[in-house]
C-alpha atoms as a PDB file:
ATOM      1  CA  UNK A   1     -14.654 -10.889  17.469  1.00  0.00           C
ATOM      2  CA  UNK A   2     -11.066 -12.033  16.806  1.00  0.00           C
ATOM      3  CA  UNK A   3      -8.567  -9.362  17.613  1.00  0.00           C
ATOM      4  CA  UNK A   4      -5.793  -8.515  14.802  1.00  0.00           C
ATOM      5  CA  UNK A   5      -2.336  -9.863  15.661  1.00  0.00           C
ATOM      6  CA  UNK A   6       0.227  -7.315  17.215  1.00  0.00           C
ATOM      7  CA  UNK A   7       2.846  -8.418  14.403  1.00  0.00           C
ATOM      8  CA  UNK A   8       0.208  -8.333  11.308  1.00  0.00           C
ATOM      9  CA  UNK A   9      -0.897  -4.955  12.382  1.00  0.00           C
ATOM     10  CA  UNK A  10       2.768  -3.536  12.519  1.00  0.00           C
ATOM     11  CA  UNK A  11       3.334  -4.917   9.340  1.00  0.00           C
ATOM     12  CA  UNK A  12       0.277  -3.363   7.614  1.00  0.00           C
ATOM     13  CA  UNK A  13       1.544  -0.289   9.106  1.00  0.00           C
ATOM     14  CA  UNK A  14       4.878  -0.777   7.390  1.00  0.00           C
ATOM     15  CA  UNK A  15       3.237  -1.433   4.064  1.00  0.00           C
ATOM     16  CA  UNK A  16       1.006   1.783   4.751  1.00  0.00           C
ATOM     17  CA  UNK A  17       4.220   3.734   5.431  1.00  0.00           C
ATOM     18  CA  UNK A  18       5.802   2.550   2.383  1.00  0.00           C
ATOM     19  CA  UNK A  19       2.930   3.358  -0.003  1.00  0.00           C
ATOM     20  CA  UNK A  20       2.341   6.620   1.700  1.00  0.00           C
ATOM     21  CA  UNK A  21       6.270   7.607   1.421  1.00  0.00           C
ATOM     22  CA  UNK A  22       5.989   6.666  -2.279  1.00  0.00           C
ATOM     23  CA  UNK A  23       3.164   8.940  -2.915  1.00  0.00           C
ATOM     24  CA  UNK A  24       4.807  11.581  -1.252  1.00  0.00           C
ATOM     25  CA  UNK A  25       7.857  11.415  -3.084  1.00  0.00           C
ATOM     26  CA  UNK A  26       5.755  11.319  -6.302  1.00  0.00           C
ATOM     27  CA  UNK A  27       6.740   7.857  -6.988  1.00  0.00           C
ATOM     28  CA  UNK A  28       3.091   6.791  -7.004  1.00  0.00           C
ATOM     29  CA  UNK A  29       0.104   9.037  -7.738  1.00  0.00           C
ATOM     30  CA  UNK A  30      -3.047   7.397  -6.334  1.00  0.00           C
ATOM     31  CA  UNK A  31      -6.427   8.632  -7.002  1.00  0.00           C
ATOM     32  CA  UNK A  32      -8.416  11.676  -5.533  1.00  0.00           C
ATOM     33  CA  UNK A  33     -11.439  10.671  -3.573  1.00  0.00           C
ATOM     34  CA  UNK A  34     -13.155  13.640  -5.019  1.00  0.00           C
ATOM     35  CA  UNK A  35     -12.798  17.063  -6.370  1.00  0.00           C
ATOM     36  CA  UNK A  36     -10.683  19.086  -3.689  1.00  0.00           C
ATOM     37  CA  UNK A  37     -10.714  15.777  -1.686  1.00  0.00           C
ATOM     38  CA  UNK A  38      -7.828  13.784  -0.234  1.00  0.00           C
ATOM     39  CA  UNK A  39      -5.781  11.257  -2.484  1.00  0.00           C
ATOM     40  CA  UNK A  40      -5.819   7.616  -1.807  1.00  0.00           C
ATOM     41  CA  UNK A  41      -2.655   5.196  -2.482  1.00  0.00           C
ATOM     42  CA  UNK A  42      -4.165   2.252  -0.651  1.00  0.00           C
ATOM     43  CA  UNK A  43      -7.101   1.105   1.803  1.00  0.00           C
ATOM     44  CA  UNK A  44      -6.391  -1.638   3.925  1.00  0.00           C
ATOM     45  CA  UNK A  45      -9.259  -3.860   5.345  1.00  0.00           C
ATOM     46  CA  UNK A  46      -8.764  -7.091   7.648  1.00  0.00           C
ATOM     47  CA  UNK A  47      -7.363  -9.543   5.142  1.00  0.00           C
ATOM     48  CA  UNK A  48      -7.505  -7.494   2.007  1.00  0.00           C
ATOM     49  CA  UNK A  49      -5.984  -4.224   0.379  1.00  0.00           C
ATOM     50  CA  UNK A  50      -6.562  -2.018  -2.261  1.00  0.00           C
ATOM     51  CA  UNK A  51      -3.659  -0.467  -3.898  1.00  0.00           C
ATOM     52  CA  UNK A  52      -4.163   2.564  -6.588  1.00  0.00           C
ATOM     53  CA  UNK A  53      -1.491   4.050  -9.008  1.00  0.00           C
ATOM     54  CA  UNK A  54      -1.442   5.372 -12.386  1.00  0.00           C
ATOM     55  CA  UNK A  55      -1.049   2.633 -15.327  1.00  0.00           C
ATOM     56  CA  UNK A  56       2.362   3.630 -16.178  1.00  0.00           C
ATOM     57  CA  UNK A  57       5.578   1.061 -16.410  1.00  0.00           C
ATOM     58  CA  UNK A  58       7.162   3.044 -13.942  1.00  0.00           C
ATOM     59  CA  UNK A  59       4.379   3.272 -11.266  1.00  0.00           C
ATOM     60  CA  UNK A  60       3.765  -0.440 -11.482  1.00  0.00           C
ATOM     61  CA  UNK A  61       7.416  -1.414 -11.166  1.00  0.00           C
ATOM     62  CA  UNK A  62       7.640   0.819  -8.122  1.00  0.00           C
ATOM     63  CA  UNK A  63       4.309  -0.735  -6.526  1.00  0.00           C
ATOM     64  CA  UNK A  64       5.699  -4.402  -7.044  1.00  0.00           C
ATOM     65  CA  UNK A  65       9.151  -3.220  -5.447  1.00  0.00           C
ATOM     66  CA  UNK A  66       7.060  -1.974  -2.416  1.00  0.00           C
ATOM     67  CA  UNK A  67       5.169  -4.996  -2.420  1.00  0.00           C
ATOM     68  CA  UNK A  68       8.208  -7.556  -2.861  1.00  0.00           C
ATOM     69  CA  UNK A  69       9.772  -5.511   0.286  1.00  0.00           C
ATOM     70  CA  UNK A  70       6.674  -6.196   2.436  1.00  0.00           C
ATOM     71  CA  UNK A  71       6.683  -9.916   1.214  1.00  0.00           C
ATOM     72  CA  UNK A  72      10.200 -10.309   2.276  1.00  0.00           C
ATOM     73  CA  UNK A  73       9.449  -8.745   5.563  1.00  0.00           C
ATOM     74  CA  UNK A  74       6.237 -10.264   6.390  1.00  0.00           C
ATOM     75  CA  UNK A  75       6.489 -13.607   5.046  1.00  0.00           C
ATOM     76  CA  UNK A  76       3.056 -13.069   3.389  1.00  0.00           C
ATOM     77  CA  UNK A  77       2.399 -13.934  -0.319  1.00  0.00           C
ATOM     78  CA  UNK A  78       0.642 -11.345  -2.137  1.00  0.00           C
ATOM     79  CA  UNK A  79      -1.921 -12.888  -4.596  1.00  0.00           C
END
């Protein structure tokens, strides 16, 4: 089993932080896992990410801003 390189782990933590902060600030709304459950803005796996937001121009633009910052900092392309 391969380990995740430390740099990739810290970059994923940075993306997770930006998404969590945008959700806390009301800029992204995510989805509820169930009635009374936790709100999810993202799920990060080994090399996959699922991002959740409302389908509004404002939230989509904010999500694109976060992804652009992540791309610039990490050097990774988001496809």
